[in-house]
Amino acid sequence: MKDKEKKSFFHNFYPDFIYEKVEDIPYELLRKEDIRLILMDMDNTLIDYKADFSKNLRKWIKDMKSKDIKLYIVSNSISNSKIKKVSKELGLQYFYKAGKPSRRGLRKVFDNFPDIKKEQTLMIGDQLFTDILAGNRFNIKTLLVKRINKKETILSSCKRPLERLVLNHYYKKDESEGKCRI
């Protein structure tokens, strides 16, 4: 579980794992970590700016569901019609206007799964200052994926240089401890 002893300010933004894209996350990792519930960001994590997604994502979702892993979209999107369309196409439940990095949205979704513990929950997203911070604040495992494409909101693009700074610190820390999280 999360290291309760935070060594620096940056640790609030460190993911537990990093993968290129959602479809690259192996079931073996989820099994090893005893993950039963995955909360996923939508924009630039599952879909691109046009709300398109890869057929490999659909296959990954089907595979995870067949292994009894619960999947749930938790988005800051204010467009109910957009998230409703995407969730229907992917066959997933959703919660929108989540307000990440607040824990409120994660808590509301998590409360729907009383038989699942926080230790069995994973938050996946493409942004350190919303998705990863929310997951860390909620004390669940976190996984960062690379954003799907460069086009994004002005607010998100303004945060990217700060994210690079945090990730550079993260990689230096891992090198010094001989770790690789990818």
N, C-alpha and C. Protein backbone atom coordinates (compact mmCIF):
# COMPACT_ATOMS: atom_id res chain seq x y z
N MET A 1 0.84 -1.19 0.00
CA MET A 1 0.00 0.00 0.00
C MET A 1 0.87 1.24 0.00
N LYS A 2 0.26 2.37 0.02
CA LYS A 2 0.98 3.63 -0.05
C LYS A 2 1.97 3.77 1.10
N ASP A 3 3.11 4.35 0.79
CA ASP A 3 4.11 4.65 1.80
C ASP A 3 3.61 5.86 2.58
N LYS A 4 3.22 5.64 3.81
CA LYS A 4 2.65 6.70 4.63
C LYS A 4 3.68 7.79 4.95
N GLU A 5 4.95 7.43 4.94
CA GLU A 5 6.00 8.36 5.29
C GLU A 5 6.42 9.14 4.04
N LYS A 6 5.83 10.27 3.82
CA LYS A 6 6.12 11.08 2.64
C LYS A 6 7.47 11.75 2.80
N LYS A 7 8.33 11.57 1.80
CA LYS A 7 9.68 12.09 1.88
C LYS A 7 9.80 13.50 1.32
N SER A 8 8.90 13.90 0.46
CA SER A 8 8.95 15.24 -0.11
C SER A 8 7.58 15.63 -0.62
N PHE A 9 7.45 16.89 -0.93
CA PHE A 9 6.21 17.41 -1.51
C PHE A 9 5.85 16.63 -2.78
N PHE A 10 6.86 16.26 -3.56
CA PHE A 10 6.63 15.60 -4.84
C PHE A 10 5.91 14.26 -4.69
N HIS A 11 6.09 13.59 -3.58
CA HIS A 11 5.50 12.26 -3.39
C HIS A 11 3.98 12.26 -3.53
N ASN A 12 3.35 13.38 -3.29
CA ASN A 12 1.89 13.47 -3.44
C ASN A 12 1.46 13.21 -4.88
N PHE A 13 2.39 13.42 -5.81
CA PHE A 13 2.07 13.31 -7.24
C PHE A 13 2.68 12.08 -7.90
N TYR A 14 3.40 11.26 -7.15
CA TYR A 14 4.04 10.08 -7.72
C TYR A 14 3.02 8.97 -7.94
N PRO A 15 2.99 8.41 -9.14
CA PRO A 15 2.16 7.23 -9.37
C PRO A 15 2.87 5.99 -8.84
N ASP A 16 2.10 4.96 -8.56
CA ASP A 16 2.69 3.68 -8.18
C ASP A 16 3.25 2.96 -9.40
N PHE A 17 2.62 3.19 -10.55
CA PHE A 17 3.02 2.53 -11.78
C PHE A 17 2.88 3.50 -12.95
N ILE A 18 3.65 3.26 -14.00
CA ILE A 18 3.54 4.06 -15.22
C ILE A 18 3.53 3.10 -16.41
N TYR A 19 2.58 3.31 -17.31
CA TYR A 19 2.50 2.55 -18.56
C TYR A 19 2.21 3.53 -19.69
N GLU A 20 2.53 3.11 -20.88
CA GLU A 20 2.33 3.94 -22.07
C GLU A 20 0.84 4.24 -22.28
N LYS A 21 0.01 3.19 -22.23
CA LYS A 21 -1.43 3.36 -22.43
C LYS A 21 -2.18 2.29 -21.65
N VAL A 22 -3.45 2.51 -21.48
CA VAL A 22 -4.29 1.62 -20.68
C VAL A 22 -4.20 0.19 -21.19
N GLU A 23 -4.24 0.01 -22.51
CA GLU A 23 -4.22 -1.33 -23.09
C GLU A 23 -2.94 -2.10 -22.81
N ASP A 24 -1.90 -1.40 -22.38
CA ASP A 24 -0.61 -2.05 -22.07
C ASP A 24 -0.56 -2.60 -20.65
N ILE A 25 -1.53 -2.28 -19.85
CA ILE A 25 -1.51 -2.72 -18.44
C ILE A 25 -1.83 -4.21 -18.41
N PRO A 26 -0.87 -5.01 -17.96
CA PRO A 26 -1.09 -6.46 -17.98
C PRO A 26 -1.95 -6.94 -16.81
N TYR A 27 -2.75 -7.94 -17.10
CA TYR A 27 -3.58 -8.53 -16.06
C TYR A 27 -2.71 -9.07 -14.93
N GLU A 28 -1.52 -9.57 -15.26
CA GLU A 28 -0.62 -10.13 -14.25
C GLU A 28 -0.30 -9.11 -13.16
N LEU A 29 -0.11 -7.84 -13.55
CA LEU A 29 0.13 -6.79 -12.56
C LEU A 29 -1.09 -6.63 -11.66
N LEU A 30 -2.26 -6.59 -12.25
CA LEU A 30 -3.49 -6.41 -11.48
C LEU A 30 -3.72 -7.59 -10.54
N ARG A 31 -3.45 -8.78 -11.02
CA ARG A 31 -3.58 -9.97 -10.18
C ARG A 31 -2.58 -9.93 -9.03
N LYS A 32 -1.33 -9.60 -9.35
CA LYS A 32 -0.28 -9.52 -8.32
C LYS A 32 -0.63 -8.50 -7.24
N GLU A 33 -1.20 -7.37 -7.65
CA GLU A 33 -1.57 -6.30 -6.72
C GLU A 33 -2.95 -6.50 -6.11
N ASP A 34 -3.64 -7.60 -6.48
CA ASP A 34 -4.98 -7.93 -5.99
C ASP A 34 -5.99 -6.81 -6.30
N ILE A 35 -5.92 -6.26 -7.51
CA ILE A 35 -6.83 -5.19 -7.93
C ILE A 35 -8.16 -5.80 -8.37
N ARG A 36 -9.24 -5.29 -7.79
CA ARG A 36 -10.59 -5.74 -8.14
C ARG A 36 -11.46 -4.62 -8.70
N LEU A 37 -11.03 -3.37 -8.50
CA LEU A 37 -11.78 -2.21 -8.99
C LEU A 37 -10.79 -1.23 -9.61
N ILE A 38 -11.08 -0.81 -10.85
CA ILE A 38 -10.26 0.18 -11.52
C ILE A 38 -11.12 1.40 -11.83
N LEU A 39 -10.68 2.55 -11.31
CA LEU A 39 -11.30 3.83 -11.60
C LEU A 39 -10.45 4.49 -12.67
N MET A 40 -11.07 4.94 -13.76
CA MET A 40 -10.31 5.46 -14.89
C MET A 40 -10.78 6.84 -15.29
N ASP A 41 -9.83 7.72 -15.54
CA ASP A 41 -10.11 9.00 -16.16
C ASP A 41 -10.59 8.73 -17.59
N MET A 42 -11.27 9.69 -18.20
CA MET A 42 -11.78 9.49 -19.55
C MET A 42 -10.94 10.25 -20.59
N ASP A 43 -10.94 11.59 -20.51
CA ASP A 43 -10.30 12.40 -21.54
C ASP A 43 -8.79 12.23 -21.56
N ASN A 44 -8.29 11.85 -22.72
CA ASN A 44 -6.86 11.66 -22.98
C ASN A 44 -6.27 10.47 -22.23
N THR A 45 -7.13 9.71 -21.55
CA THR A 45 -6.71 8.44 -20.93
C THR A 45 -7.35 7.29 -21.70
N LEU A 46 -8.67 7.35 -21.86
CA LEU A 46 -9.40 6.33 -22.62
C LEU A 46 -9.71 6.79 -24.04
N ILE A 47 -10.01 8.07 -24.18
CA ILE A 47 -10.41 8.62 -25.48
C ILE A 47 -9.55 9.82 -25.85
N ASP A 48 -9.51 10.11 -27.15
CA ASP A 48 -8.79 11.30 -27.59
C ASP A 48 -9.74 12.50 -27.58
N TYR A 49 -9.29 13.60 -28.12
CA TYR A 49 -10.06 14.84 -28.08
C TYR A 49 -11.38 14.75 -28.84
N LYS A 50 -11.45 13.81 -29.82
CA LYS A 50 -12.66 13.63 -30.62
C LYS A 50 -13.57 12.54 -30.05
N ALA A 51 -13.23 12.02 -28.89
CA ALA A 51 -13.97 10.94 -28.22
C ALA A 51 -13.79 9.60 -28.94
N ASP A 52 -12.66 9.44 -29.66
CA ASP A 52 -12.34 8.17 -30.30
C ASP A 52 -11.45 7.35 -29.37
N PHE A 53 -11.54 6.04 -29.49
CA PHE A 53 -10.70 5.15 -28.71
C PHE A 53 -10.28 3.99 -29.60
N SER A 54 -9.25 3.29 -29.19
CA SER A 54 -8.72 2.19 -30.00
C SER A 54 -9.53 0.92 -29.78
N LYS A 55 -9.53 0.05 -30.80
CA LYS A 55 -10.21 -1.23 -30.62
C LYS A 55 -9.45 -2.11 -29.64
N ASN A 56 -8.16 -1.85 -29.45
CA ASN A 56 -7.40 -2.58 -28.43
C ASN A 56 -7.91 -2.25 -27.03
N LEU A 57 -8.37 -1.01 -26.83
CA LEU A 57 -8.94 -0.63 -25.53
C LEU A 57 -10.21 -1.45 -25.27
N ARG A 58 -11.05 -1.54 -26.27
CA ARG A 58 -12.29 -2.32 -26.12
C ARG A 58 -11.96 -3.77 -25.77
N LYS A 59 -10.95 -4.33 -26.41
CA LYS A 59 -10.52 -5.71 -26.14
C LYS A 59 -9.99 -5.83 -24.71
N TRP A 60 -9.18 -4.84 -24.27
CA TRP A 60 -8.62 -4.86 -22.91
C TRP A 60 -9.75 -4.81 -21.87
N ILE A 61 -10.73 -3.94 -22.10
CA ILE A 61 -11.87 -3.81 -21.19
C ILE A 61 -12.62 -5.14 -21.10
N LYS A 62 -12.89 -5.73 -22.25
CA LYS A 62 -13.60 -7.02 -22.27
C LYS A 62 -12.80 -8.08 -21.50
N ASP A 63 -11.50 -8.10 -21.70
CA ASP A 63 -10.63 -9.06 -21.01
C ASP A 63 -10.66 -8.84 -19.49
N MET A 64 -10.57 -7.59 -19.06
CA MET A 64 -10.58 -7.31 -17.62
C MET A 64 -11.92 -7.70 -16.99
N LYS A 65 -13.01 -7.39 -17.70
CA LYS A 65 -14.33 -7.76 -17.19
C LYS A 65 -14.47 -9.27 -17.07
N SER A 66 -13.91 -10.01 -18.04
CA SER A 66 -14.00 -11.47 -18.00
C SER A 66 -13.23 -12.05 -16.81
N LYS A 67 -12.29 -11.28 -16.28
CA LYS A 67 -11.51 -11.71 -15.12
C LYS A 67 -12.09 -11.12 -13.83
N ASP A 68 -13.33 -10.62 -13.92
CA ASP A 68 -14.09 -10.10 -12.78
C ASP A 68 -13.47 -8.86 -12.15
N ILE A 69 -12.83 -8.04 -12.96
CA ILE A 69 -12.35 -6.74 -12.48
C ILE A 69 -13.41 -5.70 -12.83
N LYS A 70 -13.82 -4.95 -11.84
CA LYS A 70 -14.81 -3.89 -12.03
C LYS A 70 -14.11 -2.67 -12.61
N LEU A 71 -14.71 -2.05 -13.62
CA LEU A 71 -14.16 -0.87 -14.28
C LEU A 71 -15.17 0.26 -14.21
N TYR A 72 -14.69 1.46 -13.91
CA TYR A 72 -15.59 2.59 -13.71
C TYR A 72 -14.90 3.85 -14.20
N ILE A 73 -15.57 4.65 -15.01
CA ILE A 73 -15.02 5.93 -15.47
C ILE A 73 -15.32 6.99 -14.41
N VAL A 74 -14.29 7.72 -14.00
CA VAL A 74 -14.44 8.83 -13.06
C VAL A 74 -13.82 10.04 -13.74
N SER A 75 -14.68 10.96 -14.19
CA SER A 75 -14.21 12.06 -15.04
C SER A 75 -14.56 13.42 -14.46
N ASN A 76 -13.70 14.38 -14.75
CA ASN A 76 -13.99 15.77 -14.41
C ASN A 76 -14.85 16.43 -15.47
N SER A 77 -15.14 15.74 -16.54
CA SER A 77 -15.93 16.29 -17.63
C SER A 77 -17.27 16.83 -17.11
N ILE A 78 -17.67 17.95 -17.66
CA ILE A 78 -18.97 18.51 -17.29
C ILE A 78 -20.04 18.15 -18.32
N SER A 79 -19.64 17.43 -19.37
CA SER A 79 -20.56 17.05 -20.43
C SER A 79 -21.11 15.65 -20.18
N ASN A 80 -22.32 15.59 -19.67
CA ASN A 80 -22.96 14.30 -19.42
C ASN A 80 -23.16 13.54 -20.72
N SER A 81 -23.52 14.24 -21.80
CA SER A 81 -23.78 13.54 -23.06
C SER A 81 -22.52 12.87 -23.60
N LYS A 82 -21.38 13.53 -23.47
CA LYS A 82 -20.11 12.96 -23.96
C LYS A 82 -19.74 11.71 -23.17
N ILE A 83 -19.75 11.79 -21.86
CA ILE A 83 -19.35 10.64 -21.04
C ILE A 83 -20.38 9.52 -21.14
N LYS A 84 -21.64 9.88 -21.29
CA LYS A 84 -22.68 8.87 -21.43
C LYS A 84 -22.47 8.09 -22.73
N LYS A 85 -22.14 8.78 -23.80
CA LYS A 85 -21.88 8.14 -25.10
C LYS A 85 -20.68 7.21 -25.01
N VAL A 86 -19.58 7.70 -24.44
CA VAL A 86 -18.36 6.90 -24.33
C VAL A 86 -18.59 5.69 -23.44
N SER A 87 -19.24 5.90 -22.29
CA SER A 87 -19.46 4.78 -21.36
C SER A 87 -20.36 3.72 -21.99
N LYS A 88 -21.34 4.15 -22.77
CA LYS A 88 -22.22 3.19 -23.44
C LYS A 88 -21.43 2.39 -24.48
N GLU A 89 -20.60 3.07 -25.26
CA GLU A 89 -19.80 2.39 -26.29
C GLU A 89 -18.81 1.40 -25.68
N LEU A 90 -18.27 1.73 -24.52
CA LEU A 90 -17.29 0.86 -23.88
C LEU A 90 -17.93 -0.11 -22.87
N GLY A 91 -19.21 0.07 -22.60
CA GLY A 91 -19.90 -0.80 -21.66
C GLY A 91 -19.47 -0.60 -20.22
N LEU A 92 -19.27 0.68 -19.84
CA LEU A 92 -18.78 1.00 -18.50
C LEU A 92 -19.74 1.94 -17.79
N GLN A 93 -19.75 1.87 -16.47
CA GLN A 93 -20.48 2.84 -15.67
C GLN A 93 -19.61 4.08 -15.53
N TYR A 94 -20.23 5.19 -15.13
CA TYR A 94 -19.44 6.42 -15.02
C TYR A 94 -19.95 7.33 -13.93
N PHE A 95 -19.05 8.22 -13.53
CA PHE A 95 -19.36 9.33 -12.63
C PHE A 95 -18.69 10.55 -13.24
N TYR A 96 -19.46 11.60 -13.51
CA TYR A 96 -18.87 12.80 -14.11
C TYR A 96 -18.95 13.97 -13.13
N LYS A 97 -18.28 15.05 -13.48
CA LYS A 97 -18.12 16.20 -12.58
C LYS A 97 -17.49 15.75 -11.26
N ALA A 98 -16.47 14.90 -11.36
CA ALA A 98 -15.86 14.29 -10.18
C ALA A 98 -15.06 15.29 -9.34
N GLY A 99 -14.58 16.37 -9.95
CA GLY A 99 -13.85 17.38 -9.19
C GLY A 99 -12.47 16.94 -8.73
N LYS A 100 -11.84 16.00 -9.47
CA LYS A 100 -10.48 15.59 -9.10
C LYS A 100 -9.55 16.80 -9.16
N PRO A 101 -8.68 17.00 -8.21
CA PRO A 101 -8.12 16.03 -7.28
C PRO A 101 -8.89 15.84 -5.97
N SER A 102 -10.07 16.39 -5.86
CA SER A 102 -10.88 16.11 -4.68
C SER A 102 -11.15 14.60 -4.62
N ARG A 103 -11.32 14.09 -3.43
CA ARG A 103 -11.61 12.67 -3.24
C ARG A 103 -13.11 12.37 -3.36
N ARG A 104 -13.91 13.41 -3.44
CA ARG A 104 -15.37 13.27 -3.43
C ARG A 104 -15.87 12.27 -4.48
N GLY A 105 -15.45 12.44 -5.72
CA GLY A 105 -15.92 11.56 -6.80
C GLY A 105 -15.46 10.13 -6.61
N LEU A 106 -14.22 9.97 -6.19
CA LEU A 106 -13.69 8.62 -5.96
C LEU A 106 -14.46 7.94 -4.83
N ARG A 107 -14.74 8.70 -3.77
CA ARG A 107 -15.47 8.15 -2.62
C ARG A 107 -16.88 7.73 -3.03
N LYS A 108 -17.56 8.55 -3.84
CA LYS A 108 -18.93 8.21 -4.24
C LYS A 108 -18.97 6.91 -5.04
N VAL A 109 -17.99 6.75 -5.94
CA VAL A 109 -17.93 5.51 -6.72
C VAL A 109 -17.55 4.34 -5.83
N PHE A 110 -16.52 4.51 -5.03
CA PHE A 110 -16.03 3.45 -4.16
C PHE A 110 -17.11 2.94 -3.21
N ASP A 111 -17.96 3.83 -2.74
CA ASP A 111 -19.03 3.45 -1.83
C ASP A 111 -20.03 2.48 -2.47
N ASN A 112 -20.05 2.41 -3.81
CA ASN A 112 -20.92 1.47 -4.51
C ASN A 112 -20.39 0.04 -4.50
N PHE A 113 -19.18 -0.16 -3.97
CA PHE A 113 -18.54 -1.47 -3.97
C PHE A 113 -18.11 -1.84 -2.54
N PRO A 114 -19.08 -2.10 -1.66
CA PRO A 114 -18.75 -2.35 -0.25
C PRO A 114 -17.89 -3.59 -0.01
N ASP A 115 -17.86 -4.50 -0.97
CA ASP A 115 -17.06 -5.73 -0.80
C ASP A 115 -15.61 -5.56 -1.26
N ILE A 116 -15.26 -4.37 -1.77
CA ILE A 116 -13.91 -4.11 -2.26
C ILE A 116 -13.20 -3.15 -1.32
N LYS A 117 -11.95 -3.47 -0.99
CA LYS A 117 -11.15 -2.62 -0.12
C LYS A 117 -10.36 -1.60 -0.93
N LYS A 118 -9.93 -0.54 -0.28
CA LYS A 118 -9.10 0.45 -0.96
C LYS A 118 -7.83 -0.17 -1.52
N GLU A 119 -7.26 -1.13 -0.80
CA GLU A 119 -6.03 -1.80 -1.24
C GLU A 119 -6.23 -2.55 -2.55
N GLN A 120 -7.49 -2.80 -2.91
CA GLN A 120 -7.82 -3.54 -4.12
C GLN A 120 -8.29 -2.61 -5.24
N THR A 121 -8.04 -1.33 -5.08
CA THR A 121 -8.53 -0.32 -6.02
C THR A 121 -7.37 0.42 -6.67
N LEU A 122 -7.53 0.72 -7.95
CA LEU A 122 -6.50 1.41 -8.73
C LEU A 122 -7.12 2.58 -9.48
N MET A 123 -6.45 3.72 -9.46
CA MET A 123 -6.86 4.89 -10.24
C MET A 123 -5.91 5.02 -11.41
N ILE A 124 -6.47 5.11 -12.63
CA ILE A 124 -5.67 5.28 -13.85
C ILE A 124 -6.00 6.63 -14.46
N GLY A 125 -4.97 7.39 -14.82
CA GLY A 125 -5.19 8.66 -15.49
C GLY A 125 -3.93 9.17 -16.17
N ASP A 126 -4.10 10.26 -16.91
CA ASP A 126 -2.98 10.83 -17.67
C ASP A 126 -2.42 12.10 -17.03
N GLN A 127 -3.00 12.55 -15.91
CA GLN A 127 -2.54 13.80 -15.30
C GLN A 127 -2.16 13.59 -13.83
N LEU A 128 -0.99 14.10 -13.50
CA LEU A 128 -0.51 13.99 -12.12
C LEU A 128 -1.33 14.84 -11.16
N PHE A 129 -1.70 16.06 -11.58
CA PHE A 129 -2.32 17.01 -10.67
C PHE A 129 -3.82 16.82 -10.49
N THR A 130 -4.39 15.90 -11.23
CA THR A 130 -5.81 15.58 -11.02
C THR A 130 -5.96 14.10 -10.66
N ASP A 131 -5.70 13.22 -11.62
CA ASP A 131 -5.95 11.79 -11.45
C ASP A 131 -5.05 11.16 -10.39
N ILE A 132 -3.75 11.34 -10.51
CA ILE A 132 -2.82 10.69 -9.60
C ILE A 132 -2.93 11.30 -8.20
N LEU A 133 -3.00 12.61 -8.12
CA LEU A 133 -3.15 13.26 -6.82
C LEU A 133 -4.45 12.81 -6.14
N ALA A 134 -5.54 12.73 -6.89
CA ALA A 134 -6.81 12.27 -6.31
C ALA A 134 -6.67 10.86 -5.75
N GLY A 135 -6.08 9.96 -6.54
CA GLY A 135 -5.89 8.59 -6.08
C GLY A 135 -5.00 8.51 -4.85
N ASN A 136 -3.92 9.27 -4.87
CA ASN A 136 -3.02 9.28 -3.71
C ASN A 136 -3.70 9.85 -2.47
N ARG A 137 -4.47 10.90 -2.65
CA ARG A 137 -5.18 11.50 -1.52
C ARG A 137 -6.24 10.54 -0.96
N PHE A 138 -6.80 9.71 -1.84
CA PHE A 138 -7.81 8.73 -1.43
C PHE A 138 -7.16 7.45 -0.91
N ASN A 139 -5.85 7.41 -0.99
CA ASN A 139 -5.05 6.29 -0.46
C ASN A 139 -5.30 4.98 -1.20
N ILE A 140 -5.36 5.09 -2.56
CA ILE A 140 -5.44 3.91 -3.41
C ILE A 140 -4.23 3.90 -4.34
N LYS A 141 -3.99 2.78 -4.97
CA LYS A 141 -2.88 2.67 -5.92
C LYS A 141 -3.19 3.53 -7.14
N THR A 142 -2.12 4.04 -7.75
CA THR A 142 -2.29 4.93 -8.90
C THR A 142 -1.41 4.48 -10.05
N LEU A 143 -1.89 4.71 -11.27
CA LEU A 143 -1.16 4.35 -12.47
C LEU A 143 -1.29 5.48 -13.48
N LEU A 144 -0.16 5.99 -13.92
CA LEU A 144 -0.11 7.08 -14.90
C LEU A 144 0.08 6.49 -16.29
N VAL A 145 -0.73 6.97 -17.24
CA VAL A 145 -0.53 6.62 -18.64
C VAL A 145 -0.18 7.89 -19.41
N LYS A 146 0.47 7.70 -20.53
CA LYS A 146 0.80 8.83 -21.40
C LYS A 146 -0.50 9.35 -22.02
N ARG A 147 -0.61 10.65 -22.15
CA ARG A 147 -1.83 11.20 -22.77
C ARG A 147 -1.93 10.69 -24.21
N ILE A 148 -3.15 10.51 -24.67
CA ILE A 148 -3.39 9.93 -26.00
C ILE A 148 -2.92 10.86 -27.11
N ASN A 149 -3.26 12.15 -27.00
CA ASN A 149 -2.75 13.09 -28.01
C ASN A 149 -2.44 14.43 -27.38
N LYS A 150 -1.78 15.26 -28.13
CA LYS A 150 -1.29 16.54 -27.60
C LYS A 150 -2.40 17.57 -27.43
N LYS A 151 -3.49 17.45 -28.20
CA LYS A 151 -4.56 18.43 -28.11
C LYS A 151 -5.33 18.23 -26.81
N GLU A 152 -5.44 19.28 -26.02
CA GLU A 152 -6.17 19.20 -24.75
C GLU A 152 -6.60 20.60 -24.33
N THR A 153 -7.27 20.70 -23.22
CA THR A 153 -7.75 21.99 -22.74
C THR A 153 -6.57 22.89 -22.39
N ILE A 154 -6.81 24.17 -22.36
CA ILE A 154 -5.77 25.14 -22.02
C ILE A 154 -5.25 24.87 -20.60
N LEU A 155 -6.15 24.61 -19.67
CA LEU A 155 -5.75 24.35 -18.29
C LEU A 155 -4.82 23.14 -18.21
N SER A 156 -5.19 22.06 -18.89
CA SER A 156 -4.34 20.86 -18.88
C SER A 156 -2.98 21.13 -19.49
N SER A 157 -2.96 21.85 -20.61
CA SER A 157 -1.67 22.11 -21.27
C SER A 157 -0.79 23.02 -20.42
N CYS A 158 -1.37 23.88 -19.61
CA CYS A 158 -0.58 24.77 -18.73
C CYS A 158 0.09 23.97 -17.61
N LYS A 159 -0.51 22.85 -17.22
CA LYS A 159 0.04 22.04 -16.13
C LYS A 159 1.15 21.10 -16.58
N ARG A 160 1.24 20.83 -17.88
CA ARG A 160 2.20 19.83 -18.37
C ARG A 160 3.66 20.14 -18.03
N PRO A 161 4.13 21.42 -18.14
CA PRO A 161 5.53 21.67 -17.75
C PRO A 161 5.81 21.34 -16.28
N LEU A 162 4.83 21.63 -15.41
CA LEU A 162 4.99 21.28 -13.99
C LEU A 162 5.01 19.77 -13.79
N GLU A 163 4.20 19.07 -14.58
CA GLU A 163 4.21 17.61 -14.50
C GLU A 163 5.57 17.05 -14.90
N ARG A 164 6.18 17.64 -15.94
CA ARG A 164 7.52 17.18 -16.35
C ARG A 164 8.52 17.36 -15.23
N LEU A 165 8.42 18.47 -14.50
CA LEU A 165 9.30 18.71 -13.37
C LEU A 165 9.14 17.63 -12.31
N VAL A 166 7.91 17.31 -11.96
CA VAL A 166 7.63 16.28 -10.96
C VAL A 166 8.12 14.92 -11.45
N LEU A 167 7.85 14.59 -12.73
CA LEU A 167 8.28 13.30 -13.26
C LEU A 167 9.80 13.18 -13.31
N ASN A 168 10.49 14.27 -13.63
CA ASN A 168 11.96 14.25 -13.60
C ASN A 168 12.45 13.92 -12.20
N HIS A 169 11.83 14.50 -11.19
CA HIS A 169 12.17 14.22 -9.80
C HIS A 169 11.88 12.76 -9.46
N TYR A 170 10.76 12.27 -9.93
CA TYR A 170 10.34 10.88 -9.71
C TYR A 170 11.36 9.91 -10.30
N TYR A 171 11.76 10.15 -11.55
CA TYR A 171 12.72 9.25 -12.20
C TYR A 171 14.08 9.31 -11.53
N LYS A 172 14.51 10.47 -11.09
CA LYS A 172 15.79 10.58 -10.37
C LYS A 172 15.73 9.78 -9.07
N LYS A 173 14.60 9.87 -8.37
CA LYS A 173 14.42 9.12 -7.12
C LYS A 173 14.49 7.62 -7.40
N ASP A 174 13.79 7.17 -8.42
CA ASP A 174 13.79 5.74 -8.75
C ASP A 174 15.17 5.26 -9.17
N GLU A 175 15.91 6.07 -9.91
CA GLU A 175 17.27 5.68 -10.31
C GLU A 175 18.15 5.51 -9.08
N SER A 176 18.02 6.43 -8.14
CA SER A 176 18.86 6.36 -6.93
C SER A 176 18.50 5.14 -6.08
N GLU A 177 17.25 4.68 -6.17
CA GLU A 177 16.84 3.50 -5.39
C GLU A 177 16.89 2.22 -6.23
N GLY A 178 17.33 2.36 -7.51
CA GLY A 178 17.44 1.19 -8.38
C GLY A 178 16.09 0.62 -8.78
N LYS A 179 15.07 1.45 -8.89
CA LYS A 179 13.72 0.97 -9.23
C LYS A 179 13.34 1.39 -10.65
N CYS A 180 12.48 0.61 -11.23
CA CYS A 180 11.85 0.97 -12.49
C CYS A 180 10.39 0.60 -12.35
N ARG A 181 9.53 1.53 -12.65
CA ARG A 181 8.10 1.30 -12.43
C ARG A 181 7.34 1.00 -13.73
N ILE A 182 8.01 1.00 -14.85
CA ILE A 182 7.30 0.79 -16.12
C ILE A 182 7.33 -0.67 -16.48
